[in-house]
């Protein structure tokens, strides 16, 4: 079964309040076995457009990635994030040859 990923681009308007979201997302990420592959870091946009921060989370499978997003715990975290950031997020199944 292929792994799945959240691919996230985010602009943060209030870093101090965004920290509340980071604290709140820890429990659902742990519950659904998410692993950070990318969390910020240096980047260069060489084509197209981008936001100021990038995150890639790996999940054991597509269902876990979707379940995490829809979980009540993560929905509470979203409520903390939305007023202080703008985000693009794709949940995608990985490739397994």
PDB file of N, CA and C in Angstrom:
ATOM      1  N   UNK A   1       0.841  -1.178   0.000  1.00  0.00           N
ATOM      2  CA  UNK A   1       0.000   0.000   0.000  1.00  0.00           C
ATOM      3  C   UNK A   1       0.889   1.245   0.000  1.00  0.00           C
ATOM      4  N   UNK A   2       0.681   2.167  -0.931  1.00  0.00           N
ATOM      5  CA  UNK A   2       1.529   3.362  -0.992  1.00  0.00           C
ATOM      6  C   UNK A   2       1.282   4.313   0.181  1.00  0.00           C
ATOM      7  N   UNK A   3       2.313   5.025   0.532  1.00  0.00           N
ATOM      8  CA  UNK A   3       2.186   6.068   1.552  1.00  0.00           C
ATOM      9  C   UNK A   3       1.415   7.239   0.952  1.00  0.00           C
ATOM     10  N   UNK A   4       1.069   8.188   1.796  1.00  0.00           N
ATOM     11  CA  UNK A   4       0.370   9.384   1.339  1.00  0.00           C
ATOM     12  C   UNK A   4       1.037  10.600   1.973  1.00  0.00           C
ATOM     13  N   UNK A   5       0.774  11.755   1.396  1.00  0.00           N
ATOM     14  CA  UNK A   5       1.466  12.973   1.803  1.00  0.00           C
ATOM     15  C   UNK A   5       0.517  14.159   1.852  1.00  0.00           C
ATOM     16  N   UNK A   6       0.774  15.028   2.800  1.00  0.00           N
ATOM     17  CA  UNK A   6       0.210  16.369   2.774  1.00  0.00           C
ATOM     18  C   UNK A   6       1.316  17.254   2.219  1.00  0.00           C
ATOM     19  N   UNK A   7       1.013  17.988   1.177  1.00  0.00           N
ATOM     20  CA  UNK A   7       1.944  18.967   0.615  1.00  0.00           C
ATOM     21  C   UNK A   7       1.336  20.334   0.894  1.00  0.00           C
ATOM     22  N   UNK A   8       2.051  21.124   1.664  1.00  0.00           N
ATOM     23  CA  UNK A   8       1.499  22.362   2.210  1.00  0.00           C
ATOM     24  C   UNK A   8       2.387  23.537   1.844  1.00  0.00           C
ATOM     25  N   UNK A   9       1.743  24.636   1.464  1.00  0.00           N
ATOM     26  CA  UNK A   9       2.409  25.932   1.316  1.00  0.00           C
ATOM     27  C   UNK A   9       1.611  26.914   2.157  1.00  0.00           C
ATOM     28  N   UNK A  10       2.295  27.696   2.965  1.00  0.00           N
ATOM     29  CA  UNK A  10       1.588  28.572   3.897  1.00  0.00           C
ATOM     30  C   UNK A  10       2.294  29.913   4.034  1.00  0.00           C
ATOM     31  N   UNK A  11       1.496  30.956   4.170  1.00  0.00           N
ATOM     32  CA  UNK A  11       1.957  32.280   4.573  1.00  0.00           C
ATOM     33  C   UNK A  11       1.416  32.514   5.979  1.00  0.00           C
ATOM     34  N   UNK A  12       2.276  32.900   6.894  1.00  0.00           N
ATOM     35  CA  UNK A  12       1.891  33.099   8.287  1.00  0.00           C
ATOM     36  C   UNK A  12       1.870  34.591   8.587  1.00  0.00           C
ATOM     37  N   UNK A  13       0.728  35.079   9.071  1.00  0.00           N
ATOM     38  CA  UNK A  13       0.572  36.499   9.378  1.00  0.00           C
ATOM     39  C   UNK A  13       0.936  36.842  10.822  1.00  0.00           C
ATOM     40  N   UNK A  14       0.769  35.876  11.733  1.00  0.00           N
ATOM     41  CA  UNK A  14       1.067  36.105  13.148  1.00  0.00           C
ATOM     42  C   UNK A  14       1.743  34.855  13.702  1.00  0.00           C
ATOM     43  N   UNK A  15       3.064  34.893  13.732  1.00  0.00           N
ATOM     44  CA  UNK A  15       3.835  33.709  14.133  1.00  0.00           C
ATOM     45  C   UNK A  15       3.542  33.293  15.572  1.00  0.00           C
ATOM     46  N   UNK A  16       3.338  34.237  16.467  1.00  0.00           N
ATOM     47  CA  UNK A  16       3.066  33.887  17.870  1.00  0.00           C
ATOM     48  C   UNK A  16       1.749  33.110  17.992  1.00  0.00           C
ATOM     49  N   UNK A  17       0.710  33.566  17.339  1.00  0.00           N
ATOM     50  CA  UNK A  17      -0.578  32.858  17.395  1.00  0.00           C
ATOM     51  C   UNK A  17      -0.529  31.551  16.599  1.00  0.00           C
ATOM     52  N   UNK A  18       0.279  31.502  15.562  1.00  0.00           N
ATOM     53  CA  UNK A  18       0.437  30.279  14.760  1.00  0.00           C
ATOM     54  C   UNK A  18       1.028  29.156  15.613  1.00  0.00           C
ATOM     55  N   UNK A  19       1.814  29.503  16.607  1.00  0.00           N
ATOM     56  CA  UNK A  19       2.391  28.507  17.505  1.00  0.00           C
ATOM     57  C   UNK A  19       1.310  27.718  18.244  1.00  0.00           C
ATOM     58  N   UNK A  20       0.155  28.324  18.475  1.00  0.00           N
ATOM     59  CA  UNK A  20      -0.964  27.604  19.084  1.00  0.00           C
ATOM     60  C   UNK A  20      -1.446  26.488  18.162  1.00  0.00           C
ATOM     61  N   UNK A  21      -1.491  26.771  16.871  1.00  0.00           N
ATOM     62  CA  UNK A  21      -1.851  25.746  15.879  1.00  0.00           C
ATOM     63  C   UNK A  21      -0.830  24.610  15.880  1.00  0.00           C
ATOM     64  N   UNK A  22       0.439  24.948  15.903  1.00  0.00           N
ATOM     65  CA  UNK A  22       1.496  23.935  15.902  1.00  0.00           C
ATOM     66  C   UNK A  22       1.354  23.027  17.124  1.00  0.00           C
ATOM     67  N   UNK A  23       1.079  23.605  18.273  1.00  0.00           N
ATOM     68  CA  UNK A  23       0.885  22.801  19.487  1.00  0.00           C
ATOM     69  C   UNK A  23      -0.350  21.913  19.358  1.00  0.00           C
ATOM     70  N   UNK A  24      -1.417  22.435  18.766  1.00  0.00           N
ATOM     71  CA  UNK A  24      -2.666  21.679  18.649  1.00  0.00           C
ATOM     72  C   UNK A  24      -2.596  20.569  17.608  1.00  0.00           C
ATOM     73  N   UNK A  25      -1.760  20.721  16.591  1.00  0.00           N
ATOM     74  CA  UNK A  25      -1.719  19.679  15.556  1.00  0.00           C
ATOM     75  C   UNK A  25      -0.860  18.479  15.955  1.00  0.00           C
ATOM     76  N   UNK A  26      -0.095  18.606  17.019  1.00  0.00           N
ATOM     77  CA  UNK A  26       0.806  17.514  17.430  1.00  0.00           C
ATOM     78  C   UNK A  26       0.044  16.230  17.754  1.00  0.00           C
ATOM     79  N   UNK A  27      -1.058  16.327  18.453  1.00  0.00           N
ATOM     80  CA  UNK A  27      -1.813  15.124  18.848  1.00  0.00           C
ATOM     81  C   UNK A  27      -2.395  14.382  17.645  1.00  0.00           C
ATOM     82  N   UNK A  28      -3.095  15.068  16.728  1.00  0.00           N
ATOM     83  CA  UNK A  28      -3.605  14.313  15.575  1.00  0.00           C
ATOM     84  C   UNK A  28      -2.489  13.781  14.675  1.00  0.00           C
ATOM     85  N   UNK A  29      -1.398  14.507  14.528  1.00  0.00           N
ATOM     86  CA  UNK A  29      -0.293  13.998  13.716  1.00  0.00           C
ATOM     87  C   UNK A  29       0.280  12.723  14.331  1.00  0.00           C
ATOM     88  N   UNK A  30       0.390  12.702  15.646  1.00  0.00           N
ATOM     89  CA  UNK A  30       0.887  11.497  16.323  1.00  0.00           C
ATOM     90  C   UNK A  30      -0.121  10.351  16.166  1.00  0.00           C
ATOM     91  N   UNK A  31      -1.398  10.657  16.359  1.00  0.00           N
ATOM     92  CA  UNK A  31      -2.454   9.641  16.275  1.00  0.00           C
ATOM     93  C   UNK A  31      -2.465   8.946  14.914  1.00  0.00           C
ATOM     94  N   UNK A  32      -2.198   9.697  13.849  1.00  0.00           N
ATOM     95  CA  UNK A  32      -2.252   9.152  12.492  1.00  0.00           C
ATOM     96  C   UNK A  32      -0.861   8.860  11.918  1.00  0.00           C
ATOM     97  N   UNK A  33       0.129   8.793  12.775  1.00  0.00           N
ATOM     98  CA  UNK A  33       1.499   8.409  12.396  1.00  0.00           C
ATOM     99  C   UNK A  33       2.106   9.289  11.308  1.00  0.00           C
ATOM    100  N   UNK A  34       1.862  10.585  11.382  1.00  0.00           N
ATOM    101  CA  UNK A  34       2.441  11.523  10.420  1.00  0.00           C
ATOM    102  C   UNK A  34       3.902  11.776  10.766  1.00  0.00           C
ATOM    103  N   UNK A  35       4.711  11.921   9.722  1.00  0.00           N
ATOM    104  CA  UNK A  35       6.131  12.232   9.890  1.00  0.00           C
ATOM    105  C   UNK A  35       6.474  13.429   9.017  1.00  0.00           C
ATOM    106  N   UNK A  36       7.135  14.408   9.605  1.00  0.00           N
ATOM    107  CA  UNK A  36       7.569  15.565   8.833  1.00  0.00           C
ATOM    108  C   UNK A  36       8.752  15.180   7.963  1.00  0.00           C
ATOM    109  N   UNK A  37       8.627  15.398   6.669  1.00  0.00           N
ATOM    110  CA  UNK A  37       9.742  15.230   5.739  1.00  0.00           C
ATOM    111  C   UNK A  37      10.345  16.588   5.403  1.00  0.00           C
ATOM    112  N   UNK A  38       9.494  17.593   5.351  1.00  0.00           N
ATOM    113  CA  UNK A  38       9.916  18.980   5.110  1.00  0.00           C
ATOM    114  C   UNK A  38       9.155  19.827   6.117  1.00  0.00           C
ATOM    115  N   UNK A  39       9.862  20.718   6.786  1.00  0.00           N
ATOM    116  CA  UNK A  39       9.216  21.618   7.759  1.00  0.00           C
ATOM    117  C   UNK A  39       9.965  22.934   7.732  1.00  0.00           C
ATOM    118  N   UNK A  40       9.543  23.799   6.799  1.00  0.00           N
ATOM    119  CA  UNK A  40      10.272  25.043   6.604  1.00  0.00           C
ATOM    120  C   UNK A  40      11.514  24.767   5.775  1.00  0.00           C
ATOM    121  N   UNK A  41      12.567  25.422   6.084  1.00  0.00           N
ATOM    122  CA  UNK A  41      13.825  25.188   5.382  1.00  0.00           C
ATOM    123  C   UNK A  41      14.015  26.106   4.189  1.00  0.00           C
ATOM    124  N   UNK A  42      15.198  26.067   3.691  1.00  0.00           N
ATOM    125  CA  UNK A  42      15.599  26.916   2.571  1.00  0.00           C
ATOM    126  C   UNK A  42      14.937  26.431   1.289  1.00  0.00           C
ATOM    127  N   UNK A  43      14.516  27.356   0.440  1.00  0.00           N
ATOM    128  CA  UNK A  43      13.932  26.981  -0.848  1.00  0.00           C
ATOM    129  C   UNK A  43      14.102  28.112  -1.841  1.00  0.00           C
ATOM    130  N   UNK A  44      13.930  27.771  -3.089  1.00  0.00           N
ATOM    131  CA  UNK A  44      13.931  28.752  -4.177  1.00  0.00           C
ATOM    132  C   UNK A  44      12.812  28.385  -5.124  1.00  0.00           C
ATOM    133  N   UNK A  45      11.942  29.322  -5.394  1.00  0.00           N
ATOM    134  CA  UNK A  45      10.877  29.106  -6.364  1.00  0.00           C
ATOM    135  C   UNK A  45      11.462  29.366  -7.743  1.00  0.00           C
ATOM    136  N   UNK A  46      11.605  28.314  -8.533  1.00  0.00           N
ATOM    137  CA  UNK A  46      12.238  28.454  -9.836  1.00  0.00           C
ATOM    138  C   UNK A  46      11.228  28.537 -10.974  1.00  0.00           C
ATOM    139  N   UNK A  47       9.975  28.236 -10.678  1.00  0.00           N
ATOM    140  CA  UNK A  47       8.920  28.367 -11.688  1.00  0.00           C
ATOM    141  C   UNK A  47       7.581  28.447 -10.971  1.00  0.00           C
ATOM    142  N   UNK A  48       6.674  29.251 -11.477  1.00  0.00           N
ATOM    143  CA  UNK A  48       5.357  29.377 -10.859  1.00  0.00           C
ATOM    144  C   UNK A  48       5.396  30.263  -9.633  1.00  0.00           C
ATOM    145  N   UNK A  49       4.450  30.030  -8.731  1.00  0.00           N
ATOM    146  CA  UNK A  49       4.359  30.846  -7.525  1.00  0.00           C
ATOM    147  C   UNK A  49       4.498  29.958  -6.290  1.00  0.00           C
ATOM    148  N   UNK A  50       4.685  30.617  -5.166  1.00  0.00           N
ATOM    149  CA  UNK A  50       4.939  29.888  -3.933  1.00  0.00           C
ATOM    150  C   UNK A  50       4.488  30.733  -2.758  1.00  0.00           C
ATOM    151  N   UNK A  51       4.366  30.093  -1.621  1.00  0.00           N
ATOM    152  CA  UNK A  51       4.130  30.806  -0.368  1.00  0.00           C
ATOM    153  C   UNK A  51       5.444  30.827   0.412  1.00  0.00           C
ATOM    154  N   UNK A  52       5.424  31.443   1.578  1.00  0.00           N
ATOM    155  CA  UNK A  52       6.671  31.675   2.306  1.00  0.00           C
ATOM    156  C   UNK A  52       7.194  30.470   3.093  1.00  0.00           C
ATOM    157  N   UNK A  53       6.352  29.475   3.330  1.00  0.00           N
ATOM    158  CA  UNK A  53       6.786  28.305   4.108  1.00  0.00           C
ATOM    159  C   UNK A  53       6.203  27.046   3.475  1.00  0.00           C
ATOM    160  N   UNK A  54       6.967  25.953   3.544  1.00  0.00           N
ATOM    161  CA  UNK A  54       6.558  24.688   2.940  1.00  0.00           C
ATOM    162  C   UNK A  54       6.678  23.558   3.950  1.00  0.00           C
ATOM    163  N   UNK A  55       5.724  22.625   3.880  1.00  0.00           N
ATOM    164  CA  UNK A  55       5.717  21.463   4.763  1.00  0.00           C
ATOM    165  C   UNK A  55       5.298  20.255   3.937  1.00  0.00           C
ATOM    166  N   UNK A  56       5.964  19.129   4.152  1.00  0.00           N
ATOM    167  CA  UNK A  56       5.536  17.857   3.580  1.00  0.00           C
ATOM    168  C   UNK A  56       5.449  16.864   4.732  1.00  0.00           C
ATOM    169  N   UNK A  57       4.261  16.301   4.910  1.00  0.00           N
ATOM    170  CA  UNK A  57       4.024  15.285   5.935  1.00  0.00           C
ATOM    171  C   UNK A  57       3.779  13.953   5.259  1.00  0.00           C
ATOM    172  N   UNK A  58       4.361  12.906   5.804  1.00  0.00           N
ATOM    173  CA  UNK A  58       4.171  11.561   5.271  1.00  0.00           C
ATOM    174  C   UNK A  58       3.249  10.785   6.212  1.00  0.00           C
ATOM    175  N   UNK A  59       2.287  10.070   5.630  1.00  0.00           N
ATOM    176  CA  UNK A  59       1.363   9.215   6.373  1.00  0.00           C
ATOM    177  C   UNK A  59       1.524   7.779   5.884  1.00  0.00           C
ATOM    178  N   UNK A  60       1.157   6.808   6.713  1.00  0.00           N
ATOM    179  CA  UNK A  60       1.306   5.409   6.312  1.00  0.00           C
ATOM    180  C   UNK A  60       0.518   5.045   5.048  1.00  0.00           C
ATOM    181  N   UNK A  61      -0.621   5.727   4.829  1.00  0.00           N
ATOM    182  CA  UNK A  61      -1.461   5.434   3.670  1.00  0.00           C
ATOM    183  C   UNK A  61      -2.428   6.594   3.447  1.00  0.00           C
ATOM    184  N   UNK A  62      -3.121   6.540   2.323  1.00  0.00           N
ATOM    185  CA  UNK A  62      -4.033   7.618   1.917  1.00  0.00           C
ATOM    186  C   UNK A  62      -5.176   7.790   2.918  1.00  0.00           C
ATOM    187  N   UNK A  63      -5.733   6.682   3.395  1.00  0.00           N
ATOM    188  CA  UNK A  63      -6.855   6.759   4.339  1.00  0.00           C
ATOM    189  C   UNK A  63      -6.433   7.454   5.629  1.00  0.00           C
ATOM    190  N   UNK A  64      -5.238   7.181   6.109  1.00  0.00           N
ATOM    191  CA  UNK A  64      -4.744   7.850   7.325  1.00  0.00           C
ATOM    192  C   UNK A  64      -4.583   9.348   7.101  1.00  0.00           C
ATOM    193  N   UNK A  65      -4.087   9.717   5.939  1.00  0.00           N
ATOM    194  CA  UNK A  65      -3.911  11.140   5.625  1.00  0.00           C
ATOM    195  C   UNK A  65      -5.247  11.871   5.600  1.00  0.00           C
ATOM    196  N   UNK A  66      -6.251  11.246   4.984  1.00  0.00           N
ATOM    197  CA  UNK A  66      -7.590  11.851   4.949  1.00  0.00           C
ATOM    198  C   UNK A  66      -8.225  11.858   6.332  1.00  0.00           C
ATOM    199  N   UNK A  67      -8.084  10.763   7.065  1.00  0.00           N
ATOM    200  CA  UNK A  67      -8.691  10.663   8.398  1.00  0.00           C
ATOM    201  C   UNK A  67      -8.123  11.723   9.331  1.00  0.00           C
ATOM    202  N   UNK A  68      -6.828  11.985   9.234  1.00  0.00           N
ATOM    203  CA  UNK A  68      -6.219  13.019  10.058  1.00  0.00           C
ATOM    204  C   UNK A  68      -6.846  14.378   9.761  1.00  0.00           C
ATOM    205  N   UNK A  69      -6.955  14.693   8.479  1.00  0.00           N
ATOM    206  CA  UNK A  69      -7.549  15.977   8.091  1.00  0.00           C
ATOM    207  C   UNK A  69      -8.963  16.127   8.639  1.00  0.00           C
ATOM    208  N   UNK A  70      -9.758  15.084   8.543  1.00  0.00           N
ATOM    209  CA  UNK A  70     -11.164  15.138   8.946  1.00  0.00           C
ATOM    210  C   UNK A  70     -11.383  14.910  10.441  1.00  0.00           C
ATOM    211  N   UNK A  71     -10.342  14.569  11.183  1.00  0.00           N
ATOM    212  CA  UNK A  71     -10.507  14.261  12.602  1.00  0.00           C
ATOM    213  C   UNK A  71     -10.941  15.499  13.385  1.00  0.00           C
ATOM    214  N   UNK A  72     -11.727  15.284  14.440  1.00  0.00           N
ATOM    215  CA  UNK A  72     -12.126  16.421  15.277  1.00  0.00           C
ATOM    216  C   UNK A  72     -10.928  17.166  15.861  1.00  0.00           C
ATOM    217  N   UNK A  73      -9.871  16.429  16.194  1.00  0.00           N
ATOM    218  CA  UNK A  73      -8.682  17.062  16.776  1.00  0.00           C
ATOM    219  C   UNK A  73      -8.028  18.027  15.782  1.00  0.00           C
ATOM    220  N   UNK A  74      -7.928  17.586  14.527  1.00  0.00           N
ATOM    221  CA  UNK A  74      -7.298  18.470  13.550  1.00  0.00           C
ATOM    222  C   UNK A  74      -8.222  19.628  13.167  1.00  0.00           C
ATOM    223  N   UNK A  75      -9.502  19.390  13.150  1.00  0.00           N
ATOM    224  CA  UNK A  75     -10.436  20.478  12.855  1.00  0.00           C
ATOM    225  C   UNK A  75     -10.333  21.575  13.908  1.00  0.00           C
ATOM    226  N   UNK A  76     -10.094  21.204  15.160  1.00  0.00           N
ATOM    227  CA  UNK A  76      -9.866  22.209  16.208  1.00  0.00           C
ATOM    228  C   UNK A  76      -8.579  22.989  15.941  1.00  0.00           C
ATOM    229  N   UNK A  77      -7.545  22.288  15.471  1.00  0.00           N
ATOM    230  CA  UNK A  77      -6.283  22.956  15.142  1.00  0.00           C
ATOM    231  C   UNK A  77      -6.479  23.943  13.991  1.00  0.00           C
ATOM    232  N   UNK A  78      -7.257  23.535  12.995  1.00  0.00           N
ATOM    233  CA  UNK A  78      -7.529  24.416  11.855  1.00  0.00           C
ATOM    234  C   UNK A  78      -8.148  25.732  12.317  1.00  0.00           C
ATOM    235  N   UNK A  79      -9.050  25.656  13.277  1.00  0.00           N
ATOM    236  CA  UNK A  79      -9.704  26.867  13.782  1.00  0.00           C
ATOM    237  C   UNK A  79      -8.688  27.843  14.376  1.00  0.00           C
ATOM    238  N   UNK A  80      -7.592  27.341  14.905  1.00  0.00           N
ATOM    239  CA  UNK A  80      -6.538  28.204  15.431  1.00  0.00           C
ATOM    240  C   UNK A  80      -5.675  28.780  14.316  1.00  0.00           C
ATOM    241  N   UNK A  81      -5.500  28.008  13.235  1.00  0.00           N
ATOM    242  CA  UNK A  81      -4.627  28.416  12.139  1.00  0.00           C
ATOM    243  C   UNK A  81      -5.264  29.430  11.203  1.00  0.00           C
ATOM    244  N   UNK A  82      -6.514  29.223  10.866  1.00  0.00           N
ATOM    245  CA  UNK A  82      -7.138  30.010   9.800  1.00  0.00           C
ATOM    246  C   UNK A  82      -7.099  31.524  10.012  1.00  0.00           C
ATOM    247  N   UNK A  83      -7.317  32.036  11.211  1.00  0.00           N
ATOM    248  CA  UNK A  83      -7.283  33.499  11.354  1.00  0.00           C
ATOM    249  C   UNK A  83      -5.899  34.130  11.170  1.00  0.00           C
ATOM    250  N   UNK A  84      -4.842  33.316  11.248  1.00  0.00           N
ATOM    251  CA  UNK A  84      -3.496  33.895  11.248  1.00  0.00           C
ATOM    252  C   UNK A  84      -2.614  33.416  10.097  1.00  0.00           C
ATOM    253  N   UNK A  85      -3.230  32.714   9.109  1.00  0.00           N
ATOM    254  CA  UNK A  85      -2.418  32.224   7.995  1.00  0.00           C
ATOM    255  C   UNK A  85      -3.280  31.963   6.767  1.00  0.00           C
ATOM    256  N   UNK A  86      -2.611  31.856   5.636  1.00  0.00           N
ATOM    257  CA  UNK A  86      -3.245  31.471   4.366  1.00  0.00           C
ATOM    258  C   UNK A  86      -2.498  30.243   3.882  1.00  0.00           C
ATOM    259  N   UNK A  87      -3.249  29.200   3.508  1.00  0.00           N
ATOM    260  CA  UNK A  87      -2.628  27.916   3.269  1.00  0.00           C
ATOM    261  C   UNK A  87      -3.184  27.243   2.025  1.00  0.00           C
ATOM    262  N   UNK A  88      -2.308  26.562   1.301  1.00  0.00           N
ATOM    263  CA  UNK A  88      -2.696  25.646   0.223  1.00  0.00           C
ATOM    264  C   UNK A  88      -2.237  24.267   0.665  1.00  0.00           C
ATOM    265  N   UNK A  89      -3.122  23.284   0.604  1.00  0.00           N
ATOM    266  CA  UNK A  89      -2.784  21.943   1.063  1.00  0.00           C
ATOM    267  C   UNK A  89      -3.362  20.919   0.094  1.00  0.00           C
ATOM    268  N   UNK A  90      -2.531  19.977  -0.303  1.00  0.00           N
ATOM    269  CA  UNK A  90      -2.952  18.869  -1.157  1.00  0.00           C
ATOM    270  C   UNK A  90      -2.677  17.581  -0.396  1.00  0.00           C
ATOM    271  N   UNK A  91      -3.646  16.680  -0.371  1.00  0.00           N
ATOM    272  CA  UNK A  91      -3.436  15.334   0.169  1.00  0.00           C
ATOM    273  C   UNK A  91      -3.318  14.421  -1.039  1.00  0.00           C
ATOM    274  N   UNK A  92      -2.199  13.710  -1.134  1.00  0.00           N
ATOM    275  CA  UNK A  92      -1.914  12.948  -2.330  1.00  0.00           C
ATOM    276  C   UNK A  92      -1.343  11.573  -1.985  1.00  0.00           C
ATOM    277  N   UNK A  93      -1.764  10.593  -2.740  1.00  0.00           N
ATOM    278  CA  UNK A  93      -1.237   9.246  -2.583  1.00  0.00           C
ATOM    279  C   UNK A  93       0.128   9.156  -3.249  1.00  0.00           C
ATOM    280  N   UNK A  94       1.046   8.481  -2.593  1.00  0.00           N
ATOM    281  CA  UNK A  94       2.390   8.329  -3.125  1.00  0.00           C
ATOM    282  C   UNK A  94       2.433   7.329  -4.265  1.00  0.00           C
ATOM    283  N   UNK A  95       3.559   7.302  -4.926  1.00  0.00           N
ATOM    284  CA  UNK A  95       3.786   6.417  -6.062  1.00  0.00           C
ATOM    285  C   UNK A  95       4.507   5.165  -5.604  1.00  0.00           C
ATOM    286  N   UNK A  96       4.022   4.039  -6.009  1.00  0.00           N
ATOM    287  CA  UNK A  96       4.661   2.770  -5.719  1.00  0.00           C
ATOM    288  C   UNK A  96       4.785   1.996  -7.021  1.00  0.00           C
ATOM    289  N   UNK A  97       5.983   1.906  -7.571  1.00  0.00           N
ATOM    290  CA  UNK A  97       6.135   1.246  -8.882  1.00  0.00           C
ATOM    291  C   UNK A  97       5.769  -0.239  -8.832  1.00  0.00           C
TER     292      UNK A  97
END
